[in-house]
Amino acid sequence: MFSIAVSILALPNLTDPVLLSSPLWAYTESSLSLVCIASGYFLYDTVTCMVWHDIYSFEFLAHGAISFQIFFWGTRPFLNYYASIFLLFEVSTIFLNLNWFLDKAKMTMSPIGIVNGLILLFTFGGVRVVFGLYQSYHFWVTMLSNTDTVHVYFIIYYLVSNLILCSLNIFWYSKMIQMVIAKVTEPKKNSASPSVDASSSPTSKKAANGKSTNGAVHRH
């Protein structure tokens, strides 16, 4: 539910004239509510990764912890415009979690499983990698152009965090592609599927071992 909700709420903010007037400092009631929801979710995400550390690898913990701090600081308010942009990454999570359920139901080779797998690959690569890198470039330009109004600590932290999160998305997407190639080229098995194994994905980890409560992320 988190992925669906924030994707819907974030989209109108991309063209909001108030937020566009000052991507660093401007905020609206809608954008501020959005970063509050996101910070709360990623706090839950971080605690979940810490409690079940035997299930979730360090990269998931890093993703949750960094995302939490970024969105928590957004409640100052700060960077509400870019918060809405990067929360659109959650569009891919909708199909990622559906992929997990289809996999457990052994339906990944069904028509809906194949279609969902293809949509997952296109949305993850398109939104998190292509769109994400494009917007990250503008984010860097905005931050580095405001060194006189933003403390250097925040600039360094946000840019390093952005670099880590972008690297994680590229890493996870490469793993997804590798798994698709392996599934397509290996001999047919009863459970073979061209779609992505949710256990190696960045956002469906909440669904593993029955611990999903809302089928949401990352990551944001």
Protein backbone atom coordinates (compact mmCIF):
# COMPACT_ATOMS: atom_id res chain seq x y z
CA MET A 1 0.00 0.00 0.00
CA PHE A 2 2.89 2.37 0.72
CA SER A 3 4.19 2.10 -2.84
CA ILE A 4 0.79 2.77 -4.39
CA ALA A 5 -0.04 5.63 -2.03
CA VAL A 6 3.21 7.57 -2.37
CA SER A 7 3.30 7.09 -6.15
CA ILE A 8 -0.13 8.69 -6.42
CA LEU A 9 0.62 11.46 -3.94
CA ALA A 10 4.05 12.32 -5.40
CA LEU A 11 3.01 12.71 -9.03
CA PRO A 12 1.11 16.05 -8.74
CA ASN A 13 4.04 17.61 -6.87
CA LEU A 14 6.25 17.40 -9.94
CA THR A 15 4.30 20.20 -11.60
CA ASP A 16 3.35 22.17 -8.50
CA PRO A 17 4.32 25.83 -9.14
CA VAL A 18 5.11 26.41 -5.46
CA LEU A 19 7.62 23.56 -5.32
CA LEU A 20 9.09 24.46 -8.69
CA SER A 21 9.70 28.02 -7.53
CA SER A 22 12.29 26.80 -5.02
CA PRO A 23 13.22 23.09 -5.22
CA LEU A 24 15.32 23.40 -2.06
CA TRP A 25 13.07 25.24 0.37
CA ALA A 26 9.53 25.36 -1.00
CA TYR A 27 6.88 23.08 0.45
CA THR A 28 3.14 22.53 0.38
CA GLU A 29 0.84 20.73 2.77
CA SER A 30 0.79 17.81 0.36
CA SER A 31 4.58 17.57 -0.03
CA LEU A 32 5.21 17.90 3.69
CA SER A 33 2.67 15.16 4.46
CA LEU A 34 4.38 12.98 1.88
CA VAL A 35 7.86 13.27 3.43
CA CYS A 36 6.36 12.59 6.88
CA ILE A 37 4.76 9.40 5.61
CA ALA A 38 7.98 8.38 3.86
CA SER A 39 10.20 9.05 6.89
CA GLY A 40 7.86 7.00 9.07
CA TYR A 41 7.87 4.13 6.63
CA PHE A 42 11.64 4.05 6.21
CA LEU A 43 12.07 4.12 9.99
CA TYR A 44 9.92 0.99 10.10
CA ASP A 45 11.98 -0.39 7.20
CA THR A 46 15.26 0.23 9.05
CA VAL A 47 14.04 -1.34 12.31
CA THR A 48 12.74 -4.36 10.38
CA CYS A 49 16.14 -4.90 8.76
CA MET A 50 17.86 -4.60 12.13
CA VAL A 51 15.53 -7.00 13.94
CA TRP A 52 15.63 -9.63 11.17
CA HIS A 53 19.25 -9.04 10.21
CA ASP A 54 19.62 -12.74 9.46
CA ILE A 55 17.15 -12.31 6.58
CA TYR A 56 18.03 -8.90 5.17
CA SER A 57 21.56 -8.18 4.00
CA PHE A 58 23.49 -5.03 4.90
CA GLU A 59 22.59 -3.29 1.64
CA PHE A 60 18.89 -3.34 2.60
CA LEU A 61 19.69 -1.88 6.01
CA ALA A 62 21.81 0.84 4.38
CA HIS A 63 19.02 1.63 1.94
CA GLY A 64 16.43 1.94 4.71
CA ALA A 65 18.62 3.94 7.09
CA ILE A 66 19.81 6.43 4.47
CA SER A 67 16.30 6.88 3.10
CA PHE A 68 14.93 7.48 6.58
CA GLN A 69 17.42 10.25 7.34
CA ILE A 70 16.90 11.91 3.96
CA PHE A 71 13.12 12.04 4.30
CA PHE A 72 13.24 12.87 8.01
CA TRP A 73 15.32 15.96 7.29
CA GLY A 74 12.81 16.79 4.60
CA THR A 75 10.33 17.62 7.36
CA ARG A 76 12.35 20.77 8.23
CA PRO A 77 11.02 21.40 5.43
CA PHE A 78 13.85 20.78 2.98
CA LEU A 79 14.02 19.36 -0.55
CA ASN A 80 10.33 18.51 -0.70
CA TYR A 81 10.34 18.80 -4.49
CA TYR A 82 13.12 16.24 -4.94
CA ALA A 83 11.58 14.03 -2.27
CA SER A 84 8.49 13.71 -4.46
CA ILE A 85 10.65 12.95 -7.50
CA PHE A 86 12.60 10.15 -5.86
CA LEU A 87 9.53 8.66 -4.22
CA LEU A 88 8.30 7.87 -7.73
CA PHE A 89 10.82 5.03 -7.60
CA GLU A 90 8.08 3.23 -5.69
CA VAL A 91 6.18 2.69 -8.96
CA SER A 92 8.48 -0.25 -9.68
CA THR A 93 7.91 -1.67 -6.19
CA ILE A 94 4.25 -2.28 -6.99
CA PHE A 95 5.21 -4.82 -9.65
CA LEU A 96 8.14 -6.10 -7.61
CA ASN A 97 5.90 -7.19 -4.77
CA LEU A 98 3.34 -8.64 -7.17
CA ASN A 99 6.19 -10.65 -8.67
CA TRP A 100 6.94 -12.10 -5.22
CA PHE A 101 3.34 -13.24 -4.70
CA LEU A 102 3.18 -14.75 -8.18
CA ASP A 103 6.44 -16.56 -7.54
CA LYS A 104 5.10 -18.08 -4.30
CA ALA A 105 1.93 -19.10 -6.14
CA LYS A 106 4.08 -20.67 -8.88
CA MET A 107 2.43 -18.42 -11.44
CA THR A 108 5.48 -16.64 -12.83
CA MET A 109 5.16 -18.52 -16.13
CA SER A 110 1.47 -17.71 -16.41
CA PRO A 111 0.43 -14.89 -18.78
CA ILE A 112 0.00 -12.45 -15.89
CA GLY A 113 3.36 -13.51 -14.44
CA ILE A 114 5.21 -12.93 -17.69
CA VAL A 115 3.54 -9.57 -18.30
CA ASN A 116 4.22 -8.46 -14.73
CA GLY A 117 7.85 -9.56 -15.03
CA LEU A 118 8.33 -7.49 -18.18
CA ILE A 119 6.64 -4.45 -16.63
CA LEU A 120 8.85 -4.86 -13.57
CA LEU A 121 12.01 -4.84 -15.67
CA PHE A 122 10.93 -1.78 -17.65
CA THR A 123 9.70 0.20 -14.65
CA PHE A 124 12.68 -0.62 -12.45
CA GLY A 125 15.18 0.22 -15.18
CA GLY A 126 13.22 3.18 -16.49
CA VAL A 127 12.22 4.79 -13.20
CA ARG A 128 15.01 3.88 -10.79
CA VAL A 129 17.96 3.84 -13.18
CA VAL A 130 17.31 6.08 -16.21
CA PHE A 131 14.90 8.58 -14.63
CA GLY A 132 16.77 8.31 -11.32
CA LEU A 133 20.17 9.17 -12.80
CA TYR A 134 18.69 12.01 -14.84
CA GLN A 135 17.04 13.56 -11.80
CA SER A 136 20.12 12.91 -9.68
CA TYR A 137 22.13 15.05 -12.08
CA HIS A 138 19.72 17.95 -11.59
CA PHE A 139 19.74 17.29 -7.85
CA TRP A 140 23.53 17.58 -7.75
CA VAL A 141 23.42 20.79 -9.80
CA THR A 142 20.83 22.28 -7.45
CA MET A 143 22.79 21.38 -4.32
CA LEU A 144 26.15 22.57 -5.62
CA SER A 145 24.59 25.82 -6.81
CA ASN A 146 23.40 26.64 -3.30
CA THR A 147 26.54 26.28 -1.22
CA ASP A 148 25.89 29.76 0.16
CA THR A 149 22.52 28.80 1.68
CA VAL A 150 23.01 25.12 2.58
CA HIS A 151 25.53 23.93 5.15
CA VAL A 152 28.37 21.97 3.61
CA TYR A 153 27.56 19.00 5.87
CA PHE A 154 24.11 18.63 4.34
CA ILE A 155 25.49 18.98 0.82
CA ILE A 156 28.11 16.28 1.36
CA TYR A 157 25.70 13.95 3.15
CA TYR A 158 22.94 14.26 0.55
CA LEU A 159 25.25 13.87 -2.44
CA VAL A 160 27.05 10.85 -0.95
CA SER A 161 23.69 9.32 0.01
CA ASN A 162 22.37 9.89 -3.50
CA LEU A 163 25.47 8.23 -4.95
CA ILE A 164 25.03 5.19 -2.68
CA LEU A 165 21.32 4.80 -3.46
CA CYS A 166 21.88 5.18 -7.21
CA SER A 167 24.65 2.57 -7.04
CA LEU A 168 22.36 0.18 -5.18
CA ASN A 169 19.64 0.57 -7.80
CA ILE A 170 22.10 -0.10 -10.61
CA PHE A 171 23.51 -3.11 -8.72
CA TRP A 172 20.05 -4.55 -8.04
CA TYR A 173 18.95 -4.00 -11.63
CA SER A 174 22.06 -5.77 -12.94
CA LYS A 175 21.22 -8.72 -10.68
CA MET A 176 17.69 -8.76 -12.06
CA ILE A 177 18.98 -8.83 -15.63
CA GLN A 178 21.41 -11.64 -14.77
CA MET A 179 18.60 -13.69 -13.27
CA VAL A 180 16.39 -13.16 -16.30
CA ILE A 181 19.19 -14.33 -18.60
CA ALA A 182 19.80 -17.36 -16.37
CA LYS A 183 16.10 -18.25 -16.35
CA VAL A 184 15.78 -17.92 -20.11
CA THR A 185 18.91 -19.90 -20.97
CA GLU A 186 18.62 -22.70 -18.42
CA PRO A 187 16.74 -25.94 -19.22
CA LYS A 188 13.03 -25.72 -18.52
CA LYS A 189 11.97 -26.62 -15.00
CA ASN A 190 8.58 -26.72 -13.33
CA SER A 191 9.24 -23.47 -11.47
CA ALA A 192 11.33 -21.71 -14.10
CA SER A 193 10.40 -18.15 -14.77
CA PRO A 194 11.70 -15.24 -16.85
CA SER A 195 10.73 -12.84 -14.08
CA VAL A 196 12.86 -11.61 -11.22
CA ASP A 197 13.37 -13.48 -7.98
CA ALA A 198 11.96 -11.17 -5.32
CA SER A 199 14.51 -12.29 -2.74
CA SER A 200 17.29 -10.42 -4.58
CA SER A 201 15.32 -7.25 -5.15
CA PRO A 202 15.64 -3.99 -3.23
CA THR A 203 12.06 -3.57 -2.13
CA SER A 204 10.20 -6.84 -1.86
CA LYS A 205 12.24 -7.97 1.10
CA LYS A 206 9.33 -7.06 3.36
CA ALA A 207 7.36 -9.82 1.72
CA ALA A 208 9.94 -12.51 2.52
CA ASN A 209 9.10 -15.19 5.07
CA GLY A 210 5.58 -13.84 5.55
CA LYS A 211 6.72 -10.60 7.18
CA SER A 212 5.14 -8.27 4.65
CA THR A 213 2.52 -5.94 6.07
CA ASN A 214 1.85 -3.72 3.12
CA GLY A 215 3.76 -4.98 0.10
CA ALA A 216 5.92 -1.89 -0.07
CA VAL A 217 9.52 -1.02 -0.27
CA HIS A 218 12.47 0.22 -0.31
CA ARG A 219 12.74 3.10 -1.95
CA HIS A 220 12.59 4.37 -1.97
